[in-house]
Amino acid sequence: MALQTQKRTLRSSGNLPIALVLLVGGALLWLRAAQRTPSALALLPSVDGCLTAGIVGVLLALLHGIPYRTALLSVAFPIALVQLLASELAGFSFLPVLGIELTAFGLFGLPLSRLPRRRRAAAARSLHAAHSSPS
């Protein structure tokens, strides 16, 4: 009898705790903001645009193959800092915007935690092949 080995795919399970913390923390933030001021979720058009830029920026980074943690640190964090500065200058509460964004980032991370993890060597080979192919 031949030994049968089970193939295990490595899951990106490190994304799951991050996604859950972002999801719960974000929901608590915007619920807290709505509890303090009922009109806190009535966003101004400029704030709505900032919210869209933050969420779409991270979504586009994820669609281009940037890992979840890297997208959060390199795309979401700088956008959130600019949003914080803009909300302080405009006199608008930053909690609803941050809460909604964190909830969206948590929702993005839940399915990403179930995807198989890409191996770095395979990713490096595909990146090298993409850059060396004739255009």
C-alpha atoms as a PDB file:
ATOM      1  CA  MET A   1       0.000   0.000   0.000  1.00  0.00           C
ATOM      2  CA  ALA A   2       1.229   3.389  -0.914  1.00  0.00           C
ATOM      3  CA  LEU A   3       1.241   6.039   1.732  1.00  0.00           C
ATOM      4  CA  GLN A   4      -1.269   8.693   0.994  1.00  0.00           C
ATOM      5  CA  THR A   5      -0.370  12.094   2.245  1.00  0.00           C
ATOM      6  CA  GLN A   6      -2.873  14.805   2.571  1.00  0.00           C
ATOM      7  CA  LYS A   7      -2.085  18.015   0.820  1.00  0.00           C
ATOM      8  CA  ARG A   8      -2.484  20.959   3.083  1.00  0.00           C
ATOM      9  CA  THR A   9      -2.774  24.413   1.716  1.00  0.00           C
ATOM     10  CA  LEU A  10      -1.413  27.102   3.916  1.00  0.00           C
ATOM     11  CA  ARG A  11      -4.143  29.567   4.713  1.00  0.00           C
ATOM     12  CA  SER A  12      -3.499  33.194   5.440  1.00  0.00           C
ATOM     13  CA  SER A  13      -4.836  32.702   8.940  1.00  0.00           C
ATOM     14  CA  GLY A  14      -2.761  35.606  10.240  1.00  0.00           C
ATOM     15  CA  ASN A  15      -5.216  37.910   8.496  1.00  0.00           C
ATOM     16  CA  LEU A  16      -8.200  36.591  10.446  1.00  0.00           C
ATOM     17  CA  PRO A  17      -7.357  38.142  13.849  1.00  0.00           C
ATOM     18  CA  ILE A  18      -6.517  41.442  12.168  1.00  0.00           C
ATOM     19  CA  ALA A  19      -9.785  41.397  10.216  1.00  0.00           C
ATOM     20  CA  LEU A  20     -11.820  40.560  13.310  1.00  0.00           C
ATOM     21  CA  VAL A  21     -10.204  43.318  15.380  1.00  0.00           C
ATOM     22  CA  LEU A  22     -10.804  45.843  12.594  1.00  0.00           C
ATOM     23  CA  LEU A  23     -14.387  44.690  12.109  1.00  0.00           C
ATOM     24  CA  VAL A  24     -15.348  44.794  15.785  1.00  0.00           C
ATOM     25  CA  GLY A  25     -13.338  47.933  16.550  1.00  0.00           C
ATOM     26  CA  GLY A  26     -14.744  49.770  13.563  1.00  0.00           C
ATOM     27  CA  ALA A  27     -18.311  48.805  14.380  1.00  0.00           C
ATOM     28  CA  LEU A  28     -17.859  49.942  17.975  1.00  0.00           C
ATOM     29  CA  LEU A  29     -16.391  53.273  16.834  1.00  0.00           C
ATOM     30  CA  TRP A  30     -19.188  54.247  14.515  1.00  0.00           C
ATOM     31  CA  LEU A  31     -21.844  52.962  16.899  1.00  0.00           C
ATOM     32  CA  ARG A  32     -20.253  55.047  19.665  1.00  0.00           C
ATOM     33  CA  ALA A  33     -20.179  58.096  17.400  1.00  0.00           C
ATOM     34  CA  ALA A  34     -23.836  57.602  16.473  1.00  0.00           C
ATOM     35  CA  GLN A  35     -24.745  57.225  20.136  1.00  0.00           C
ATOM     36  CA  ARG A  36     -22.982  60.459  21.112  1.00  0.00           C
ATOM     37  CA  THR A  37     -24.416  62.519  18.281  1.00  0.00           C
ATOM     38  CA  PRO A  38     -27.304  61.134  16.222  1.00  0.00           C
ATOM     39  CA  SER A  39     -26.294  63.223  13.207  1.00  0.00           C
ATOM     40  CA  ALA A  40     -22.695  61.955  13.284  1.00  0.00           C
ATOM     41  CA  LEU A  41     -23.300  59.579  10.382  1.00  0.00           C
ATOM     42  CA  ALA A  42     -24.745  62.339   8.179  1.00  0.00           C
ATOM     43  CA  LEU A  43     -21.530  62.901   6.273  1.00  0.00           C
ATOM     44  CA  LEU A  44     -20.613  66.009   4.360  1.00  0.00           C
ATOM     45  CA  PRO A  45     -19.798  65.467   0.670  1.00  0.00           C
ATOM     46  CA  SER A  46     -16.108  66.127   1.280  1.00  0.00           C
ATOM     47  CA  VAL A  47     -15.989  63.630   4.148  1.00  0.00           C
ATOM     48  CA  ASP A  48     -17.873  61.104   2.027  1.00  0.00           C
ATOM     49  CA  GLY A  49     -15.225  61.560  -0.665  1.00  0.00           C
ATOM     50  CA  CYS A  50     -12.450  60.928   1.853  1.00  0.00           C
ATOM     51  CA  LEU A  51     -14.220  57.796   3.016  1.00  0.00           C
ATOM     52  CA  THR A  52     -14.564  56.582  -0.566  1.00  0.00           C
ATOM     53  CA  ALA A  53     -10.899  57.285  -1.301  1.00  0.00           C
ATOM     54  CA  GLY A  54      -9.773  55.336   1.743  1.00  0.00           C
ATOM     55  CA  ILE A  55     -11.885  52.266   1.050  1.00  0.00           C
ATOM     56  CA  VAL A  56     -11.364  52.214  -2.715  1.00  0.00           C
ATOM     57  CA  GLY A  57      -7.616  52.783  -2.300  1.00  0.00           C
ATOM     58  CA  VAL A  58      -7.251  49.700  -0.118  1.00  0.00           C
ATOM     59  CA  LEU A  59      -9.558  47.678  -2.363  1.00  0.00           C
ATOM     60  CA  LEU A  60      -7.504  48.558  -5.440  1.00  0.00           C
ATOM     61  CA  ALA A  61      -4.289  47.650  -3.616  1.00  0.00           C
ATOM     62  CA  LEU A  62      -5.775  44.270  -2.690  1.00  0.00           C
ATOM     63  CA  LEU A  63      -6.962  43.668  -6.245  1.00  0.00           C
ATOM     64  CA  HIS A  64      -3.423  44.294  -7.504  1.00  0.00           C
ATOM     65  CA  GLY A  65      -2.036  41.544  -5.300  1.00  0.00           C
ATOM     66  CA  ILE A  66      -0.647  43.569  -2.416  1.00  0.00           C
ATOM     67  CA  PRO A  67      -0.928  41.519   0.797  1.00  0.00           C
ATOM     68  CA  TYR A  68      -3.621  42.519   3.285  1.00  0.00           C
ATOM     69  CA  ARG A  69      -1.283  43.734   6.025  1.00  0.00           C
ATOM     70  CA  THR A  70       0.845  45.705   3.582  1.00  0.00           C
ATOM     71  CA  ALA A  71      -2.240  47.345   2.072  1.00  0.00           C
ATOM     72  CA  LEU A  72      -3.405  48.394   5.507  1.00  0.00           C
ATOM     73  CA  LEU A  73      -0.048  49.849   6.494  1.00  0.00           C
ATOM     74  CA  SER A  74       1.044  51.412   3.222  1.00  0.00           C
ATOM     75  CA  VAL A  75      -2.294  52.607   1.832  1.00  0.00           C
ATOM     76  CA  ALA A  76      -4.893  52.863   4.600  1.00  0.00           C
ATOM     77  CA  PHE A  77      -2.694  54.367   7.305  1.00  0.00           C
ATOM     78  CA  PRO A  78      -1.460  57.401   5.281  1.00  0.00           C
ATOM     79  CA  ILE A  79      -4.972  58.066   3.970  1.00  0.00           C
ATOM     80  CA  ALA A  80      -6.340  57.895   7.527  1.00  0.00           C
ATOM     81  CA  LEU A  81      -3.740  60.435   8.685  1.00  0.00           C
ATOM     82  CA  VAL A  82      -4.775  62.845   5.930  1.00  0.00           C
ATOM     83  CA  GLN A  83      -8.430  62.282   6.828  1.00  0.00           C
ATOM     84  CA  LEU A  84      -7.686  62.990  10.486  1.00  0.00           C
ATOM     85  CA  LEU A  85      -5.949  66.233   9.571  1.00  0.00           C
ATOM     86  CA  ALA A  86      -8.763  67.271   7.226  1.00  0.00           C
ATOM     87  CA  SER A  87     -11.452  66.481   9.772  1.00  0.00           C
ATOM     88  CA  GLU A  88      -9.641  68.494  12.453  1.00  0.00           C
ATOM     89  CA  LEU A  89      -9.355  71.480  10.101  1.00  0.00           C
ATOM     90  CA  ALA A  90     -13.012  71.211   9.032  1.00  0.00           C
ATOM     91  CA  GLY A  91     -14.274  70.672  12.568  1.00  0.00           C
ATOM     92  CA  PHE A  92     -15.861  67.324  11.740  1.00  0.00           C
ATOM     93  CA  SER A  93     -15.726  64.253  13.985  1.00  0.00           C
ATOM     94  CA  PHE A  94     -13.274  61.670  12.702  1.00  0.00           C
ATOM     95  CA  LEU A  95     -14.804  58.718  14.615  1.00  0.00           C
ATOM     96  CA  PRO A  96     -17.609  57.860  12.154  1.00  0.00           C
ATOM     97  CA  VAL A  97     -15.254  57.936   9.171  1.00  0.00           C
ATOM     98  CA  LEU A  98     -12.628  55.842  10.921  1.00  0.00           C
ATOM     99  CA  GLY A  99     -15.264  53.423  12.193  1.00  0.00           C
ATOM    100  CA  ILE A 100     -16.818  52.876   8.782  1.00  0.00           C
ATOM    101  CA  GLU A 101     -13.410  52.431   7.162  1.00  0.00           C
ATOM    102  CA  LEU A 102     -12.211  49.962   9.791  1.00  0.00           C
ATOM    103  CA  THR A 103     -15.430  47.984   9.403  1.00  0.00           C
ATOM    104  CA  ALA A 104     -14.917  47.849   5.625  1.00  0.00           C
ATOM    105  CA  PHE A 105     -11.264  46.808   6.039  1.00  0.00           C
ATOM    106  CA  GLY A 106     -12.355  44.061   8.430  1.00  0.00           C
ATOM    107  CA  LEU A 107     -14.933  42.860   5.929  1.00  0.00           C
ATOM    108  CA  PHE A 108     -12.251  42.805   3.210  1.00  0.00           C
ATOM    109  CA  GLY A 109      -9.984  40.733   5.448  1.00  0.00           C
ATOM    110  CA  LEU A 110     -12.482  38.005   6.320  1.00  0.00           C
ATOM    111  CA  PRO A 111     -12.519  36.311   2.892  1.00  0.00           C
ATOM    112  CA  LEU A 112      -8.806  37.031   2.435  1.00  0.00           C
ATOM    113  CA  SER A 113      -8.039  34.959   5.527  1.00  0.00           C
ATOM    114  CA  ARG A 114      -9.550  31.908   3.806  1.00  0.00           C
ATOM    115  CA  LEU A 115      -7.532  32.211   0.595  1.00  0.00           C
ATOM    116  CA  PRO A 116      -4.451  30.038   0.189  1.00  0.00           C
ATOM    117  CA  ARG A 117      -1.248  31.828   1.024  1.00  0.00           C
ATOM    118  CA  ARG A 118       0.937  32.649  -1.950  1.00  0.00           C
ATOM    119  CA  ARG A 119       4.432  31.340  -1.720  1.00  0.00           C
ATOM    120  CA  ARG A 120       7.064  34.018  -1.974  1.00  0.00           C
ATOM    121  CA  ALA A 121       9.232  32.098  -4.449  1.00  0.00           C
ATOM    122  CA  ALA A 122       6.302  31.550  -6.820  1.00  0.00           C
ATOM    123  CA  ALA A 123       5.307  35.177  -6.509  1.00  0.00           C
ATOM    124  CA  ALA A 124       8.875  36.293  -7.196  1.00  0.00           C
ATOM    125  CA  ARG A 125       9.078  34.064 -10.282  1.00  0.00           C
ATOM    126  CA  SER A 126       5.801  35.404 -11.654  1.00  0.00           C
ATOM    127  CA  LEU A 127       6.935  38.964 -10.980  1.00  0.00           C
ATOM    128  CA  HIS A 128      10.252  38.302 -12.721  1.00  0.00           C
ATOM    129  CA  ALA A 129       8.478  36.698 -15.685  1.00  0.00           C
ATOM    130  CA  ALA A 130       6.125  39.650 -15.989  1.00  0.00           C
ATOM    131  CA  HIS A 131       8.992  42.139 -16.083  1.00  0.00           C
ATOM    132  CA  SER A 132      11.182  40.140 -18.450  1.00  0.00           C
ATOM    133  CA  SER A 133       8.495  39.410 -21.053  1.00  0.00           C
ATOM    134  CA  PRO A 134       8.816  41.473 -24.245  1.00  0.00           C
ATOM    135  CA  SER A 135       6.317  44.297 -24.538  1.00  0.00           C
END
